[in-house]
Protein backbone atom coordinates (compact mmCIF):
# COMPACT_ATOMS: atom_id res chain seq x y z
CA MET A 1 -0.08 -0.01 0.00
CA ILE A 2 2.87 2.34 0.74
CA ILE A 3 4.15 1.71 -2.85
CA PHE A 4 0.72 2.22 -4.30
CA TYR A 5 0.42 5.59 -2.44
CA LYS A 6 3.87 6.87 -3.71
CA ILE A 7 2.92 6.10 -7.23
CA PHE A 8 -0.52 7.28 -7.20
CA GLY A 9 -0.48 9.76 -4.49
CA GLY A 10 -2.51 12.85 -5.21
CA LEU A 11 -5.17 10.96 -7.27
CA THR A 12 -7.67 11.42 -4.39
CA SER A 13 -6.88 14.99 -3.99
CA GLY A 14 -7.90 15.90 -7.51
CA ALA A 15 -4.51 15.53 -9.27
CA ARG A 16 -4.95 14.93 -13.00
CA PHE A 17 -4.59 11.27 -14.06
CA THR A 18 -1.65 11.51 -16.50
CA LEU A 19 -0.62 8.78 -19.12
CA LYS A 20 2.49 8.09 -17.00
CA ARG A 21 0.39 7.23 -14.00
CA ALA A 22 -1.88 4.97 -16.24
CA VAL A 23 1.19 3.01 -17.31
CA LEU A 24 2.46 2.70 -13.82
CA LEU A 25 -0.85 1.43 -12.60
CA SER A 26 -0.94 -1.23 -15.41
CA LEU A 27 2.59 -2.36 -14.26
CA PHE A 28 1.66 -2.39 -10.76
CA LEU A 29 -1.40 -4.54 -11.31
CA MET A 30 0.59 -6.84 -13.40
CA LEU A 31 3.23 -7.27 -10.57
CA LEU A 32 0.28 -8.20 -8.19
CA VAL A 33 -1.04 -10.94 -10.29
CA SER A 34 2.07 -12.35 -11.86
CA GLY A 35 6.40 -18.07 -11.51
CA CYS A 36 14.16 -19.78 -12.51
CA ALA A 37 10.94 -17.34 -14.66
CA PRO A 38 7.96 -15.15 -14.01
CA SER A 39 4.43 -16.38 -14.99
CA THR A 40 3.97 -13.25 -17.15
CA SER A 41 6.54 -14.61 -19.63
CA SER A 42 5.06 -18.03 -19.84
CA VAL A 43 1.55 -19.72 -20.39
CA ARG A 44 1.19 -22.34 -17.54
CA TYR A 45 -0.81 -25.41 -18.48
CA GLY A 46 -2.63 -23.75 -21.37
CA GLY A 47 -2.35 -20.87 -23.96
CA SER A 48 -0.55 -20.18 -26.94
CA ALA A 49 2.98 -19.36 -28.17
CA LYS A 50 4.32 -15.79 -27.54
CA GLU A 51 7.04 -14.10 -29.35
CA ASP A 52 9.76 -12.14 -27.45
CA GLU A 53 9.36 -8.57 -28.23
CA ASN A 54 13.11 -7.86 -28.04
CA SER A 55 13.96 -10.10 -30.88
CA GLY A 56 12.52 -12.40 -33.70
CA ASN A 57 13.27 -15.36 -31.51
CA THR A 58 10.15 -17.30 -30.18
CA VAL A 59 10.39 -19.60 -27.26
CA GLN A 60 7.05 -21.63 -27.06
CA ARG A 61 4.99 -21.87 -24.04
CA TYR A 62 3.50 -25.20 -24.76
CA GLN A 63 0.19 -26.59 -23.40
CA GLU A 64 1.30 -30.28 -22.84
CA GLN A 65 2.14 -31.38 -19.53
CA ASP A 66 4.02 -34.49 -18.74
CA THR A 67 1.84 -36.90 -16.69
CA VAL A 68 4.61 -38.04 -14.41
CA GLN A 69 3.96 -37.22 -10.83
CA ALA A 70 6.09 -34.52 -9.27
CA PRO A 71 9.01 -35.70 -7.14
CA SER A 72 8.57 -35.35 -3.39
CA GLN A 73 11.30 -32.85 -3.31
CA LEU A 74 9.21 -30.39 -5.46
CA VAL A 75 8.10 -27.31 -3.63
CA ASN A 76 5.19 -25.62 -5.29
CA LEU A 77 6.06 -21.93 -4.76
CA ASN A 78 6.41 -19.02 -7.25
CA GLU A 79 10.05 -18.27 -8.06
CA GLU A 80 9.40 -14.65 -7.88
CA GLU A 81 8.50 -15.00 -4.22
CA ASP A 82 11.89 -16.46 -3.34
CA THR A 83 15.40 -15.11 -3.28
CA GLU A 84 18.62 -16.80 -4.68
CA LEU A 85 21.19 -18.03 -2.30
CA GLU A 86 24.26 -15.61 -2.43
CA ASP A 87 27.28 -17.95 -1.64
CA TYR A 88 28.22 -18.65 -5.30
CA VAL A 89 31.61 -17.81 -6.26
CA PRO A 90 32.41 -18.02 -9.94
CA PRO A 91 35.28 -20.28 -10.68
CA VAL A 92 38.71 -18.63 -11.36
CA ASN A 93 39.07 -20.55 -14.63
CA LYS A 94 35.71 -20.26 -16.60
CA ILE A 95 35.39 -23.08 -18.79
CA LYS A 96 35.86 -21.87 -22.48
CA ILE A 97 33.99 -22.60 -25.68
CA GLU A 98 37.14 -24.43 -26.93
CA GLN A 99 36.76 -26.90 -24.09
CA VAL A 100 33.10 -27.39 -24.82
CA LEU A 101 33.96 -28.17 -28.47
CA ALA A 102 36.69 -30.61 -27.31
CA GLN A 103 34.02 -32.31 -25.22
CA TYR A 104 31.74 -32.57 -28.33
CA ASP A 105 34.69 -34.07 -30.45
CA THR A 106 35.20 -36.76 -27.76
CA LEU A 107 31.53 -37.74 -27.70
CA LYS A 108 31.33 -37.70 -31.38
CA LYS A 109 34.29 -40.11 -31.77
CA HIS A 110 33.55 -42.51 -28.90
CA ARG A 111 29.85 -42.37 -28.01
CA PHE A 112 27.79 -40.98 -30.82
CA ASN A 113 29.49 -42.21 -34.08
CA ASP A 114 26.18 -43.59 -35.40
CA PRO A 115 24.95 -41.09 -38.11
CA ALA A 116 21.36 -40.59 -36.59
CA ARG A 117 22.71 -40.14 -33.02
CA SER A 118 25.57 -38.00 -34.12
CA ASN A 119 23.09 -35.62 -35.81
CA LEU A 120 21.28 -35.09 -32.70
CA LEU A 121 24.45 -34.49 -30.76
CA ASP A 122 25.45 -31.88 -33.33
CA LYS A 123 22.22 -29.99 -32.69
CA VAL A 124 22.50 -30.01 -29.07
CA PHE A 125 26.04 -28.65 -29.17
CA MET A 126 25.09 -26.10 -31.95
CA GLN A 127 22.41 -24.63 -29.62
CA ILE A 128 24.90 -24.38 -26.76
CA VAL A 129 27.35 -22.59 -29.03
CA LYS A 130 24.58 -20.37 -30.37
CA TRP A 131 23.56 -19.33 -26.66
CA TYR A 132 27.12 -19.20 -25.17
CA ASP A 133 27.89 -16.06 -23.30
CA THR A 134 24.25 -14.75 -23.75
CA PRO A 135 23.68 -12.39 -20.75
CA TYR A 136 21.26 -13.89 -18.03
CA LYS A 137 17.92 -12.08 -17.72
CA TYR A 138 15.29 -13.16 -15.31
CA GLY A 139 12.20 -13.99 -17.50
CA GLY A 140 14.24 -13.40 -20.69
CA THR A 141 13.87 -15.72 -23.75
CA SER A 142 16.17 -14.05 -26.40
CA THR A 143 19.86 -13.61 -27.17
CA ARG A 144 19.62 -10.29 -25.47
CA GLY A 145 19.05 -12.20 -22.11
CA ILE A 146 17.68 -15.55 -21.06
CA ASP A 147 17.15 -17.43 -17.85
CA CYS A 148 17.94 -20.90 -16.98
CA SER A 149 14.64 -22.73 -17.82
CA ALA A 150 14.07 -20.85 -20.80
CA PHE A 151 17.49 -21.90 -22.17
CA THR A 152 16.82 -25.59 -21.57
CA GLN A 153 13.29 -25.11 -23.17
CA SER A 154 14.80 -23.51 -26.19
CA VAL A 155 17.49 -26.21 -26.70
CA TYR A 156 14.90 -29.04 -26.45
CA LYS A 157 12.70 -27.20 -28.86
CA ASP A 158 15.42 -26.57 -31.28
CA ALA A 159 17.55 -29.67 -30.99
CA PHE A 160 14.97 -32.47 -30.34
CA GLU A 161 11.61 -30.56 -31.46
CA ILE A 162 10.25 -31.31 -28.09
CA PRO A 163 7.99 -29.02 -26.15
CA ILE A 164 8.98 -28.88 -22.39
CA LEU A 165 7.44 -26.84 -19.66
CA ARG A 166 8.77 -23.26 -18.81
CA SER A 167 10.16 -23.24 -15.35
CA ALA A 168 12.63 -25.30 -13.53
CA ARG A 169 10.15 -26.68 -11.12
CA GLU A 170 7.77 -27.76 -13.85
CA GLN A 171 10.60 -29.38 -15.93
CA TYR A 172 11.61 -31.29 -12.76
CA THR A 173 8.23 -33.15 -13.23
CA MET A 174 8.94 -34.31 -16.84
CA GLY A 175 10.53 -37.39 -18.24
CA GLU A 176 12.26 -40.24 -16.23
CA GLU A 177 14.25 -39.78 -12.93
CA ILE A 178 17.88 -40.43 -13.17
CA GLU A 179 18.73 -41.72 -9.57
CA GLU A 180 22.44 -41.91 -9.88
CA MET A 181 24.88 -39.21 -11.17
CA SER A 182 26.97 -41.99 -12.79
CA ASP A 183 24.03 -42.84 -14.98
CA LEU A 184 23.64 -39.35 -16.55
CA GLU A 185 23.80 -39.11 -20.38
CA PRO A 186 24.28 -36.02 -22.62
CA GLY A 187 20.95 -34.26 -23.05
CA ASP A 188 19.62 -35.08 -19.41
CA LEU A 189 18.36 -32.09 -17.40
CA VAL A 190 20.15 -31.57 -14.09
CA PHE A 191 18.55 -29.66 -11.24
CA PHE A 192 19.91 -27.66 -8.28
CA ASN A 193 18.62 -26.32 -5.02
CA THR A 194 19.88 -22.68 -5.29
CA ARG A 195 17.01 -20.69 -3.80
CA ARG A 196 15.83 -20.35 -0.24
CA ARG A 197 12.35 -21.91 -0.69
CA VAL A 198 11.75 -22.95 -4.17
CA ARG A 199 13.17 -26.23 -5.12
CA PRO A 200 14.45 -26.76 -7.81
CA GLY A 201 15.71 -23.40 -8.39
CA HIS A 202 18.12 -23.94 -11.25
CA VAL A 203 18.35 -26.35 -14.33
CA GLY A 204 20.88 -27.04 -16.91
CA ILE A 205 21.74 -29.56 -19.67
CA TYR A 206 24.32 -32.32 -18.97
CA ILE A 207 26.88 -32.76 -21.83
CA GLY A 208 29.14 -35.47 -20.45
CA ASP A 209 32.28 -35.60 -18.46
CA ASN A 210 30.60 -34.02 -15.45
CA LEU A 211 29.95 -30.81 -17.37
CA PHE A 212 26.54 -29.18 -17.83
CA ALA A 213 25.37 -26.14 -20.01
CA HIS A 214 23.17 -23.66 -18.28
CA ALA A 215 22.18 -20.01 -17.86
CA SER A 216 24.06 -18.69 -14.81
CA SER A 217 22.77 -15.62 -13.04
CA LYS A 218 26.35 -14.50 -12.65
CA LEU A 219 28.02 -15.64 -15.89
CA GLY A 220 25.15 -15.87 -18.33
CA VAL A 221 25.01 -19.00 -20.70
CA THR A 222 28.10 -21.08 -19.71
CA VAL A 223 29.31 -24.50 -19.00
CA SER A 224 30.15 -25.64 -15.44
CA SER A 225 31.21 -28.71 -13.67
CA LEU A 226 29.09 -30.85 -11.41
CA GLU A 227 32.28 -31.29 -9.27
CA ASP A 228 32.30 -27.61 -8.65
CA ASN A 229 31.72 -27.30 -4.88
CA TYR A 230 28.69 -24.90 -5.23
CA TYR A 231 26.79 -27.24 -7.58
CA SER A 232 27.86 -30.59 -6.04
CA LYS A 233 26.30 -29.44 -2.77
CA ARG A 234 23.12 -28.39 -4.31
CA TYR A 235 22.69 -31.04 -7.03
CA MET A 236 19.02 -32.31 -6.69
CA GLY A 237 18.83 -34.89 -9.32
CA ALA A 238 18.23 -35.32 -13.10
CA ARG A 239 15.49 -36.10 -15.57
CA ARG A 240 15.67 -37.79 -18.95
CA ILE A 241 13.14 -36.53 -21.30
CA PHE A 242 14.87 -37.47 -24.50
CA ASP A 243 17.37 -40.38 -24.65
CA LEU A 244 20.18 -39.35 -27.10
CA THR A 245 21.61 -42.97 -27.10
CA THR A 246 18.40 -44.31 -28.44
CA GLY A 247 16.91 -41.22 -30.12
CA GLN A 248 13.78 -41.66 -28.33
CA ARG A 249 11.65 -39.53 -25.98
CA THR A 250 11.19 -41.10 -22.50
CA GLY A 251 8.49 -40.86 -19.85
CA GLU A 252 5.53 -40.59 -22.12
């Protein structure tokens, strides 16, 4: 109410209702009713695709929801109601794009040398390279700024042609659970407890050798190691929505 009075103070005393105050009123009401992404940038469990206004890129907000029951760790709170943990320290030696491409070469030679599987691997790494170093933006869906779940959603859409849900906590209900970290395969979604109340608060895409690509709030789209102390402490689990080794969607 204090914020409302500061913005709209004077209206009850006869002040003229200007266009600026009309815009502020609209924004204020949007904040009141508006869930790593705000619900105003996605259509939850229904709706249509929306094009990002800052670019020609479109990240679909799909209607489909996986029928898999939400894991017991899932906390059903809006992300914007929570705050991010502050103890993350960026690594001294950030993983460079050359290291990412070296990992791609290794996978291509030893794990995905079949043409069909190799093509899918190509598409995943093309998306990672495309987005690499894109700034982080909460609720963002374009190359001007993107958040973690929009990044994973975009990669799945463009690499696999699979619609996945918009937020990290929604994506955590999809596909098959991977119980052991040793069973992770490239393309699996990995989840982390990085917020005070909302779990999971962060999501990325595993690319092998304990590496995962993600949109970091500190570094933008980057590649990090699951062995990093921050992420190893907060690792919650993984979901396999698409199996790169078989070329099949899972959990349907």
